[in-house]
PDB file of all heavy atoms in Angstrom:
ATOM      1  N   VAL A   1     191.440 150.192  44.670  1.00  0.00           N
ATOM      2  CA  VAL A   1     192.713 150.170  45.377  1.00  0.00           C
ATOM      3  C   VAL A   1     193.601 149.035  44.863  1.00  0.00           C
ATOM      4  O   VAL A   1     194.702 149.293  44.303  1.00  0.00           O
ATOM      5  CB  VAL A   1     192.538 150.020  46.910  1.00  0.00           C
ATOM      6  CG1 VAL A   1     193.929 150.012  47.607  1.00  0.00           C
ATOM      7  CG2 VAL A   1     191.670 151.123  47.457  1.00  0.00           C
ATOM      8  N   ARG A   2     193.156 147.794  44.988  1.00  0.00           N
ATOM      9  CA  ARG A   2     194.044 146.652  44.698  1.00  0.00           C
ATOM     10  C   ARG A   2     193.213 145.456  44.479  1.00  0.00           C
ATOM     11  O   ARG A   2     192.136 145.232  45.074  1.00  0.00           O
ATOM     12  CB  ARG A   2     194.983 146.461  45.834  1.00  0.00           C
ATOM     13  CG  ARG A   2     195.915 145.243  45.714  1.00  0.00           C
ATOM     14  CD  ARG A   2     196.765 145.084  46.985  1.00  0.00           C
ATOM     15  NE  ARG A   2     197.635 143.885  46.860  1.00  0.00           N
ATOM     16  CZ  ARG A   2     197.276 142.705  47.311  1.00  0.00           C
ATOM     17  NH1 ARG A   2     196.042 142.521  47.840  1.00  0.00           N
ATOM     18  NH2 ARG A   2     198.130 141.672  47.212  1.00  0.00           N
ATOM     19  N   SER A   3     193.721 144.555  43.615  1.00  0.00           N
ATOM     20  CA  SER A   3     193.135 143.199  43.444  1.00  0.00           C
ATOM     21  C   SER A   3     194.265 142.203  43.245  1.00  0.00           C
ATOM     22  O   SER A   3     195.360 142.584  42.788  1.00  0.00           O
ATOM     23  CB  SER A   3     192.148 143.132  42.298  1.00  0.00           C
ATOM     24  OG  SER A   3     192.747 143.426  41.066  1.00  0.00           O
ATOM     25  N   TYR A   4     194.003 141.005  43.579  1.00  0.00           N
ATOM     26  CA  TYR A   4     195.015 139.920  43.448  1.00  0.00           C
ATOM     27  C   TYR A   4     194.291 138.651  43.033  1.00  0.00           C
ATOM     28  O   TYR A   4     193.393 138.124  43.744  1.00  0.00           O
ATOM     29  CB  TYR A   4     195.747 139.724  44.743  1.00  0.00           C
ATOM     30  CG  TYR A   4     196.959 138.790  44.676  1.00  0.00           C
ATOM     31  CD1 TYR A   4     198.222 139.311  44.378  1.00  0.00           C
ATOM     32  CD2 TYR A   4     196.878 137.418  44.956  1.00  0.00           C
ATOM     33  CE1 TYR A   4     199.314 138.490  44.321  1.00  0.00           C
ATOM     34  CE2 TYR A   4     197.941 136.592  44.893  1.00  0.00           C
ATOM     35  CZ  TYR A   4     199.198 137.139  44.580  1.00  0.00           C
ATOM     36  OH  TYR A   4     200.300 136.319  44.511  1.00  0.00           O
ATOM     37  N   PHE A   5     194.654 138.167  41.818  1.00  0.00           N
ATOM     38  CA  PHE A   5     193.968 136.954  41.280  1.00  0.00           C
ATOM     39  C   PHE A   5     195.052 135.929  40.959  1.00  0.00           C
ATOM     40  O   PHE A   5     196.074 136.260  40.370  1.00  0.00           O
ATOM     41  CB  PHE A   5     193.158 137.328  40.007  1.00  0.00           C
ATOM     42  CG  PHE A   5     192.152 138.389  40.197  1.00  0.00           C
ATOM     43  CD1 PHE A   5     191.895 139.324  39.219  1.00  0.00           C
ATOM     44  CD2 PHE A   5     191.473 138.494  41.414  1.00  0.00           C
ATOM     45  CE1 PHE A   5     190.974 140.331  39.365  1.00  0.00           C
ATOM     46  CE2 PHE A   5     190.510 139.537  41.556  1.00  0.00           C
ATOM     47  CZ  PHE A   5     190.293 140.470  40.521  1.00  0.00           C
ATOM     48  N   LYS A   6     194.767 134.679  41.241  1.00  0.00           N
ATOM     49  CA  LYS A   6     195.719 133.567  41.054  1.00  0.00           C
ATOM     50  C   LYS A   6     195.384 132.822  39.758  1.00  0.00           C
ATOM     51  O   LYS A   6     194.250 132.749  39.355  1.00  0.00           O
ATOM     52  CB  LYS A   6     195.678 132.609  42.217  1.00  0.00           C
ATOM     53  CG  LYS A   6     196.141 133.216  43.560  1.00  0.00           C
ATOM     54  CD  LYS A   6     196.082 132.226  44.667  1.00  0.00           C
ATOM     55  CE  LYS A   6     196.619 132.809  45.998  1.00  0.00           C
ATOM     56  NZ  LYS A   6     196.541 131.844  47.100  1.00  0.00           N
ATOM     57  N   ARG A   7     196.430 132.251  39.212  1.00  0.00           N
ATOM     58  CA  ARG A   7     196.295 131.514  37.925  1.00  0.00           C
ATOM     59  C   ARG A   7     195.353 130.345  38.068  1.00  0.00           C
ATOM     60  O   ARG A   7     195.330 129.624  39.040  1.00  0.00           O
ATOM     61  CB  ARG A   7     197.661 131.013  37.474  1.00  0.00           C
ATOM     62  CG  ARG A   7     197.635 130.269  36.139  1.00  0.00           C
ATOM     63  CD  ARG A   7     199.037 129.851  35.728  1.00  0.00           C
ATOM     64  NE  ARG A   7     198.998 129.126  34.448  1.00  0.00           N
ATOM     65  CZ  ARG A   7     198.734 127.791  34.351  1.00  0.00           C
ATOM     66  NH1 ARG A   7     198.572 127.081  35.474  1.00  0.00           N
ATOM     67  NH2 ARG A   7     198.722 127.214  33.163  1.00  0.00           N
ATOM     68  N   ASN A   8     194.486 130.203  37.035  1.00  0.00           N
ATOM     69  CA  ASN A   8     193.534 129.080  36.945  1.00  0.00           C
ATOM     70  C   ASN A   8     194.284 127.924  36.393  1.00  0.00           C
ATOM     71  O   ASN A   8     194.644 127.902  35.152  1.00  0.00           O
ATOM     72  CB  ASN A   8     192.350 129.467  36.042  1.00  0.00           C
ATOM     73  CG  ASN A   8     191.372 128.315  35.827  1.00  0.00           C
ATOM     74  OD1 ASN A   8     191.487 127.244  36.423  1.00  0.00           O
ATOM     75  ND2 ASN A   8     190.423 128.503  34.917  1.00  0.00           N
ATOM     76  N   PRO A   9     194.564 126.832  37.140  1.00  0.00           N
ATOM     77  CA  PRO A   9     195.345 125.713  36.619  1.00  0.00           C
ATOM     78  C   PRO A   9     194.602 124.896  35.560  1.00  0.00           C
ATOM     79  O   PRO A   9     195.266 124.126  34.880  1.00  0.00           O
ATOM     80  CB  PRO A   9     195.620 124.811  37.904  1.00  0.00           C
ATOM     81  CG  PRO A   9     194.467 125.171  38.784  1.00  0.00           C
ATOM     82  CD  PRO A   9     194.150 126.638  38.571  1.00  0.00           C
ATOM     83  N   ASN A  10     193.339 125.070  35.448  1.00  0.00           N
ATOM     84  CA  ASN A  10     192.521 124.314  34.516  1.00  0.00           C
ATOM     85  C   ASN A  10     191.997 125.141  33.377  1.00  0.00           C
ATOM     86  O   ASN A  10     190.913 124.855  32.791  1.00  0.00           O
ATOM     87  CB  ASN A  10     191.376 123.641  35.227  1.00  0.00           C
ATOM     88  CG  ASN A  10     191.804 122.723  36.348  1.00  0.00           C
ATOM     89  OD1 ASN A  10     192.705 121.882  36.130  1.00  0.00           O
ATOM     90  ND2 ASN A  10     191.264 122.877  37.582  1.00  0.00           N
ATOM     91  N   TYR A  11     192.736 126.210  33.036  1.00  0.00           N
ATOM     92  CA  TYR A  11     192.205 127.147  32.047  1.00  0.00           C
ATOM     93  C   TYR A  11     192.111 126.491  30.668  1.00  0.00           C
ATOM     94  O   TYR A  11     193.077 125.750  30.260  1.00  0.00           O
ATOM     95  CB  TYR A  11     193.149 128.356  31.937  1.00  0.00           C
ATOM     96  CG  TYR A  11     192.591 129.550  31.175  1.00  0.00           C
ATOM     97  CD1 TYR A  11     191.200 129.823  31.214  1.00  0.00           C
ATOM     98  CD2 TYR A  11     193.367 130.387  30.417  1.00  0.00           C
ATOM     99  CE1 TYR A  11     190.686 130.879  30.539  1.00  0.00           C
ATOM    100  CE2 TYR A  11     192.876 131.477  29.755  1.00  0.00           C
ATOM    101  CZ  TYR A  11     191.501 131.708  29.794  1.00  0.00           C
ATOM    102  OH  TYR A  11     190.981 132.783  29.109  1.00  0.00           O
ATOM    103  N   TRP A  12     191.036 126.704  29.993  1.00  0.00           N
ATOM    104  CA  TRP A  12     190.730 125.967  28.740  1.00  0.00           C
ATOM    105  C   TRP A  12     191.463 126.493  27.537  1.00  0.00           C
ATOM    106  O   TRP A  12     191.546 125.807  26.508  1.00  0.00           O
ATOM    107  CB  TRP A  12     189.184 126.003  28.500  1.00  0.00           C
ATOM    108  CG  TRP A  12     188.659 127.408  28.363  1.00  0.00           C
ATOM    109  CD1 TRP A  12     188.228 128.223  29.328  1.00  0.00           C
ATOM    110  CD2 TRP A  12     188.425 128.084  27.123  1.00  0.00           C
ATOM    111  NE1 TRP A  12     187.748 129.437  28.775  1.00  0.00           N
ATOM    112  CE2 TRP A  12     187.864 129.345  27.436  1.00  0.00           C
ATOM    113  CE3 TRP A  12     188.623 127.779  25.739  1.00  0.00           C
ATOM    114  CZ2 TRP A  12     187.542 130.278  26.472  1.00  0.00           C
ATOM    115  CZ3 TRP A  12     188.291 128.701  24.810  1.00  0.00           C
ATOM    116  CH2 TRP A  12     187.771 129.934  25.134  1.00  0.00           C
ATOM    117  N   LYS A  13     191.945 127.726  27.614  1.00  0.00           N
ATOM    118  CA  LYS A  13     192.650 128.264  26.410  1.00  0.00           C
ATOM    119  C   LYS A  13     194.112 127.755  26.391  1.00  0.00           C
ATOM    120  O   LYS A  13     194.817 127.912  27.404  1.00  0.00           O
ATOM    121  CB  LYS A  13     192.675 129.772  26.442  1.00  0.00           C
ATOM    122  CG  LYS A  13     191.339 130.440  26.198  1.00  0.00           C
ATOM    123  CD  LYS A  13     191.534 131.962  26.104  1.00  0.00           C
ATOM    124  CE  LYS A  13     190.250 132.745  26.044  1.00  0.00           C
ATOM    125  NZ  LYS A  13     190.442 134.144  25.932  1.00  0.00           N
ATOM    126  N   PRO A  14     194.550 127.211  25.309  1.00  0.00           N
ATOM    127  CA  PRO A  14     195.912 126.787  25.233  1.00  0.00           C
ATOM    128  C   PRO A  14     196.829 127.995  25.122  1.00  0.00           C
ATOM    129  O   PRO A  14     196.485 128.993  24.502  1.00  0.00           O
ATOM    130  CB  PRO A  14     195.997 125.936  23.912  1.00  0.00           C
ATOM    131  CG  PRO A  14     194.845 126.475  23.119  1.00  0.00           C
ATOM    132  CD  PRO A  14     193.766 126.880  24.055  1.00  0.00           C
ATOM    133  N   ASN A  15     198.034 127.902  25.757  1.00  0.00           N
ATOM    134  CA  ASN A  15     199.018 128.952  25.655  1.00  0.00           C
ATOM    135  C   ASN A  15     198.511 130.297  26.124  1.00  0.00           C
ATOM    136  O   ASN A  15     198.701 131.370  25.450  1.00  0.00           O
ATOM    137  CB  ASN A  15     199.541 129.028  24.248  1.00  0.00           C
ATOM    138  CG  ASN A  15     200.233 127.757  23.776  1.00  0.00           C
ATOM    139  OD1 ASN A  15     201.000 127.150  24.536  1.00  0.00           O
ATOM    140  ND2 ASN A  15     199.901 127.335  22.563  1.00  0.00           N
ATOM    141  N   ARG A  16     197.806 130.323  27.253  1.00  0.00           N
ATOM    142  CA  ARG A  16     197.343 131.539  27.879  1.00  0.00           C
ATOM    143  C   ARG A  16     197.515 131.426  29.374  1.00  0.00           C
ATOM    144  O   ARG A  16     197.619 130.319  29.925  1.00  0.00           O
ATOM    145  CB  ARG A  16     195.886 131.813  27.518  1.00  0.00           C
ATOM    146  CG  ARG A  16     195.610 132.158  26.076  1.00  0.00           C
ATOM    147  CD  ARG A  16     196.161 133.505  25.733  1.00  0.00           C
ATOM    148  NE  ARG A  16     195.828 133.887  24.371  1.00  0.00           N
ATOM    149  CZ  ARG A  16     196.601 133.682  23.319  1.00  0.00           C
ATOM    150  NH1 ARG A  16     197.780 133.051  23.504  1.00  0.00           N
ATOM    151  NH2 ARG A  16     196.258 134.097  22.129  1.00  0.00           N
ATOM    152  N   ALA A  17     197.466 132.539  30.047  1.00  0.00           N
ATOM    153  CA  ALA A  17     197.579 132.632  31.515  1.00  0.00           C
ATOM    154  C   ALA A  17     198.872 131.989  32.001  1.00  0.00           C
ATOM    155  O   ALA A  17     198.885 130.952  32.626  1.00  0.00           O
ATOM    156  CB  ALA A  17     196.382 131.973  32.195  1.00  0.00           C
ATOM    157  N   PHE A  18     199.982 132.651  31.717  1.00  0.00           N
ATOM    158  CA  PHE A  18     201.324 132.090  31.989  1.00  0.00           C
ATOM    159  C   PHE A  18     201.797 132.446  33.456  1.00  0.00           C
ATOM    160  O   PHE A  18     202.505 131.663  34.055  1.00  0.00           O
ATOM    161  CB  PHE A  18     202.338 132.667  31.021  1.00  0.00           C
ATOM    162  CG  PHE A  18     202.010 132.396  29.588  1.00  0.00           C
ATOM    163  CD1 PHE A  18     201.479 133.371  28.746  1.00  0.00           C
ATOM    164  CD2 PHE A  18     202.212 131.103  29.065  1.00  0.00           C
ATOM    165  CE1 PHE A  18     201.183 133.082  27.431  1.00  0.00           C
ATOM    166  CE2 PHE A  18     201.891 130.807  27.732  1.00  0.00           C
ATOM    167  CZ  PHE A  18     201.349 131.825  26.930  1.00  0.00           C
ATOM    168  N   VAL A  19     201.406 133.605  33.970  1.00  0.00           N
ATOM    169  CA  VAL A  19     201.888 134.001  35.290  1.00  0.00           C
ATOM    170  C   VAL A  19     201.120 133.309  36.395  1.00  0.00           C
ATOM    171  O   VAL A  19     199.960 132.897  36.217  1.00  0.00           O
ATOM    172  CB  VAL A  19     201.913 135.508  35.447  1.00  0.00           C
ATOM    173  CG1 VAL A  19     202.787 136.205  34.404  1.00  0.00           C
ATOM    174  CG2 VAL A  19     200.473 136.077  35.352  1.00  0.00           C
ATOM    175  N   ASP A  20     201.798 133.174  37.535  1.00  0.00           N
ATOM    176  CA  ASP A  20     201.129 132.521  38.663  1.00  0.00           C
ATOM    177  C   ASP A  20     200.045 133.394  39.268  1.00  0.00           C
ATOM    178  O   ASP A  20     199.023 132.843  39.827  1.00  0.00           O
ATOM    179  CB  ASP A  20     202.133 132.247  39.785  1.00  0.00           C
ATOM    180  CG  ASP A  20     203.156 131.201  39.401  1.00  0.00           C
ATOM    181  OD1 ASP A  20     202.821 130.338  38.542  1.00  0.00           O
ATOM    182  OD2 ASP A  20     204.269 131.195  39.893  1.00  0.00           O
ATOM    183  N   ALA A  21     200.132 134.703  39.164  1.00  0.00           N
ATOM    184  CA  ALA A  21     199.118 135.620  39.684  1.00  0.00           C
ATOM    185  C   ALA A  21     199.248 136.978  39.085  1.00  0.00           C
ATOM    186  O   ALA A  21     200.295 137.296  38.510  1.00  0.00           O
ATOM    187  CB  ALA A  21     199.270 135.722  41.230  1.00  0.00           C
ATOM    188  N   VAL A  22     198.195 137.729  39.198  1.00  0.00           N
ATOM    189  CA  VAL A  22     198.176 139.127  38.709  1.00  0.00           C
ATOM    190  C   VAL A  22     197.763 140.020  39.863  1.00  0.00           C
ATOM    191  O   VAL A  22     196.701 139.751  40.496  1.00  0.00           O
ATOM    192  CB  VAL A  22     197.171 139.294  37.545  1.00  0.00           C
ATOM    193  CG1 VAL A  22     197.210 140.753  37.046  1.00  0.00           C
ATOM    194  CG2 VAL A  22     197.497 138.343  36.402  1.00  0.00           C
ATOM    195  N   GLU A  23     198.556 141.059  40.091  1.00  0.00           N
ATOM    196  CA  GLU A  23     198.192 142.032  41.114  1.00  0.00           C
ATOM    197  C   GLU A  23     197.942 143.379  40.361  1.00  0.00           C
ATOM    198  O   GLU A  23     198.778 143.834  39.565  1.00  0.00           O
ATOM    199  CB  GLU A  23     199.289 142.225  42.103  1.00  0.00           C
ATOM    200  CG  GLU A  23     198.978 143.272  43.196  1.00  0.00           C
ATOM    201  CD  GLU A  23     200.051 143.368  44.206  1.00  0.00           C
ATOM    202  OE1 GLU A  23     201.221 143.010  43.935  1.00  0.00           O
ATOM    203  OE2 GLU A  23     199.767 143.869  45.306  1.00  0.00           O
ATOM    204  N   VAL A  24     196.746 143.964  40.590  1.00  0.00           N
ATOM    205  CA  VAL A  24     196.387 145.218  40.023  1.00  0.00           C
ATOM    206  C   VAL A  24     196.465 146.285  41.123  1.00  0.00           C
ATOM    207  O   VAL A  24     195.773 146.163  42.151  1.00  0.00           O
ATOM    208  CB  VAL A  24     195.017 145.190  39.346  1.00  0.00           C
ATOM    209  CG1 VAL A  24     194.585 146.585  38.864  1.00  0.00           C
ATOM    210  CG2 VAL A  24     194.939 144.159  38.217  1.00  0.00           C
ATOM    211  N   LEU A  25     197.201 147.315  40.874  1.00  0.00           N
ATOM    212  CA  LEU A  25     197.324 148.442  41.782  1.00  0.00           C
ATOM    213  C   LEU A  25     196.610 149.663  41.067  1.00  0.00           C
ATOM    214  O   LEU A  25     197.052 150.008  39.919  1.00  0.00           O
ATOM    215  CB  LEU A  25     198.727 148.808  42.125  1.00  0.00           C
ATOM    216  CG  LEU A  25     199.503 147.680  42.873  1.00  0.00           C
ATOM    217  CD1 LEU A  25     200.979 148.124  43.019  1.00  0.00           C
ATOM    218  CD2 LEU A  25     198.886 147.352  44.142  1.00  0.00           C
ATOM    219  N   VAL A  26     195.569 150.213  41.615  1.00  0.00           N
ATOM    220  CA  VAL A  26     194.905 151.368  41.014  1.00  0.00           C
ATOM    221  C   VAL A  26     195.742 152.589  41.314  1.00  0.00           C
ATOM    222  O   VAL A  26     195.874 153.005  42.453  1.00  0.00           O
ATOM    223  CB  VAL A  26     193.477 151.492  41.506  1.00  0.00           C
ATOM    224  CG1 VAL A  26     192.803 152.752  40.880  1.00  0.00           C
ATOM    225  CG2 VAL A  26     192.678 150.238  41.178  1.00  0.00           C
ATOM    226  N   ILE A  27     196.271 153.201  40.280  1.00  0.00           N
ATOM    227  CA  ILE A  27     197.078 154.439  40.400  1.00  0.00           C
ATOM    228  C   ILE A  27     196.582 155.426  39.384  1.00  0.00           C
ATOM    229  O   ILE A  27     197.015 155.478  38.254  1.00  0.00           O
ATOM    230  CB  ILE A  27     198.581 154.170  40.188  1.00  0.00           C
ATOM    231  CG1 ILE A  27     199.056 152.942  40.994  1.00  0.00           C
ATOM    232  CG2 ILE A  27     199.391 155.338  40.569  1.00  0.00           C
ATOM    233  CD1 ILE A  27     200.497 152.507  40.692  1.00  0.00           C
ATOM    234  N   ASN A  28     195.599 156.197  39.794  1.00  0.00           N
ATOM    235  CA  ASN A  28     194.954 157.145  38.839  1.00  0.00           C
ATOM    236  C   ASN A  28     195.872 158.353  38.457  1.00  0.00           C
ATOM    237  O   ASN A  28     195.708 158.903  37.394  1.00  0.00           O
ATOM    238  CB  ASN A  28     193.611 157.612  39.387  1.00  0.00           C
ATOM    239  CG  ASN A  28     192.582 156.546  39.352  1.00  0.00           C
ATOM    240  OD1 ASN A  28     192.463 155.793  38.409  1.00  0.00           O
ATOM    241  ND2 ASN A  28     191.804 156.440  40.426  1.00  0.00           N
ATOM    242  N   ASP A  29     196.753 158.710  39.346  1.00  0.00           N
ATOM    243  CA  ASP A  29     197.626 159.823  39.069  1.00  0.00           C
ATOM    244  C   ASP A  29     198.671 159.451  38.063  1.00  0.00           C
ATOM    245  O   ASP A  29     199.442 158.436  38.302  1.00  0.00           O
ATOM    246  CB  ASP A  29     198.276 160.357  40.344  1.00  0.00           C
ATOM    247  CG  ASP A  29     199.157 161.516  40.106  1.00  0.00           C
ATOM    248  OD1 ASP A  29     198.625 162.661  39.956  1.00  0.00           O
ATOM    249  OD2 ASP A  29     200.412 161.307  40.010  1.00  0.00           O
ATOM    250  N   ALA A  30     198.777 160.164  36.944  1.00  0.00           N
ATOM    251  CA  ALA A  30     199.717 159.783  35.854  1.00  0.00           C
ATOM    252  C   ALA A  30     201.133 159.785  36.315  1.00  0.00           C
ATOM    253  O   ALA A  30     201.943 158.924  35.969  1.00  0.00           O
ATOM    254  CB  ALA A  30     199.498 160.706  34.679  1.00  0.00           C
ATOM    255  N   THR A  31     201.527 160.822  37.100  1.00  0.00           N
ATOM    256  CA  THR A  31     202.937 160.865  37.574  1.00  0.00           C
ATOM    257  C   THR A  31     203.267 159.711  38.480  1.00  0.00           C
ATOM    258  O   THR A  31     204.348 159.100  38.336  1.00  0.00           O
ATOM    259  CB  THR A  31     203.167 162.214  38.281  1.00  0.00           C
ATOM    260  OG1 THR A  31     202.905 163.301  37.369  1.00  0.00           O
ATOM    261  CG2 THR A  31     204.623 162.343  38.767  1.00  0.00           C
ATOM    262  N   ALA A  32     202.380 159.441  39.382  1.00  0.00           N
ATOM    263  CA  ALA A  32     202.617 158.340  40.315  1.00  0.00           C
ATOM    264  C   ALA A  32     202.710 157.011  39.584  1.00  0.00           C
ATOM    265  O   ALA A  32     203.489 156.120  39.886  1.00  0.00           O
ATOM    266  CB  ALA A  32     201.548 158.305  41.413  1.00  0.00           C
ATOM    267  N   ARG A  33     201.832 156.880  38.564  1.00  0.00           N
ATOM    268  CA  ARG A  33     201.823 155.627  37.799  1.00  0.00           C
ATOM    269  C   ARG A  33     203.117 155.465  37.020  1.00  0.00           C
ATOM    270  O   ARG A  33     203.697 154.329  36.971  1.00  0.00           O
ATOM    271  CB  ARG A  33     200.640 155.696  36.770  1.00  0.00           C
ATOM    272  CG  ARG A  33     200.165 154.361  36.228  1.00  0.00           C
ATOM    273  CD  ARG A  33     198.786 154.475  35.666  1.00  0.00           C
ATOM    274  NE  ARG A  33     198.615 155.437  34.588  1.00  0.00           N
ATOM    275  CZ  ARG A  33     197.942 156.539  34.688  1.00  0.00           C
ATOM    276  NH1 ARG A  33     197.383 156.895  35.861  1.00  0.00           N
ATOM    277  NH2 ARG A  33     197.852 157.353  33.612  1.00  0.00           N
ATOM    278  N   THR A  34     203.562 156.548  36.447  1.00  0.00           N
ATOM    279  CA  THR A  34     204.873 156.494  35.703  1.00  0.00           C
ATOM    280  C   THR A  34     206.062 156.166  36.620  1.00  0.00           C
ATOM    281  O   THR A  34     206.886 155.385  36.302  1.00  0.00           O
ATOM    282  CB  THR A  34     205.126 157.848  35.025  1.00  0.00           C
ATOM    283  OG1 THR A  34     204.022 158.117  34.122  1.00  0.00           O
ATOM    284  CG2 THR A  34     206.426 157.818  34.212  1.00  0.00           C
ATOM    285  N   ASN A  35     206.060 156.775  37.803  1.00  0.00           N
ATOM    286  CA  ASN A  35     207.127 156.532  38.769  1.00  0.00           C
ATOM    287  C   ASN A  35     207.124 155.090  39.280  1.00  0.00           C
ATOM    288  O   ASN A  35     208.169 154.455  39.519  1.00  0.00           O
ATOM    289  CB  ASN A  35     207.037 157.489  39.943  1.00  0.00           C
ATOM    290  CG  ASN A  35     207.414 158.923  39.559  1.00  0.00           C
ATOM    291  OD1 ASN A  35     208.141 159.161  38.616  1.00  0.00           O
ATOM    292  ND2 ASN A  35     206.882 159.848  40.296  1.00  0.00           N
ATOM    293  N   ALA A  36     205.892 154.527  39.421  1.00  0.00           N
ATOM    294  CA  ALA A  36     205.817 153.088  39.807  1.00  0.00           C
ATOM    295  C   ALA A  36     206.419 152.136  38.826  1.00  0.00           C
ATOM    296  O   ALA A  36     207.064 151.191  39.172  1.00  0.00           O
ATOM    297  CB  ALA A  36     204.324 152.773  40.038  1.00  0.00           C
ATOM    298  N   LEU A  37     206.273 152.515  37.518  1.00  0.00           N
ATOM    299  CA  LEU A  37     206.884 151.729  36.482  1.00  0.00           C
ATOM    300  C   LEU A  37     208.434 151.873  36.483  1.00  0.00           C
ATOM    301  O   LEU A  37     209.177 150.925  36.435  1.00  0.00           O
ATOM    302  CB  LEU A  37     206.344 152.062  35.131  1.00  0.00           C
ATOM    303  CG  LEU A  37     206.944 151.330  33.924  1.00  0.00           C
ATOM    304  CD1 LEU A  37     206.608 149.835  33.944  1.00  0.00           C
ATOM    305  CD2 LEU A  37     206.511 151.960  32.643  1.00  0.00           C
ATOM    306  N   ILE A  38     208.911 153.088  36.541  1.00  0.00           N
ATOM    307  CA  ILE A  38     210.326 153.357  36.469  1.00  0.00           C
ATOM    308  C   ILE A  38     211.059 152.718  37.679  1.00  0.00           C
ATOM    309  O   ILE A  38     212.155 152.204  37.527  1.00  0.00           O
ATOM    310  CB  ILE A  38     210.606 154.896  36.426  1.00  0.00           C
ATOM    311  CG1 ILE A  38     210.069 155.469  35.114  1.00  0.00           C
ATOM    312  CG2 ILE A  38     212.061 155.228  36.593  1.00  0.00           C
ATOM    313  CD1 ILE A  38     210.108 156.959  35.038  1.00  0.00           C
TER     314      ILE A  38
END
């Protein structure tokens, strides 16, 4: 369904993980997925 992960402030890779958080919405239907983007 959904996940929400917050940025790791101590990430060891330089110049990675720029956003404050990532939200994943599971949208298996191709039409619904496309409409969500548009």
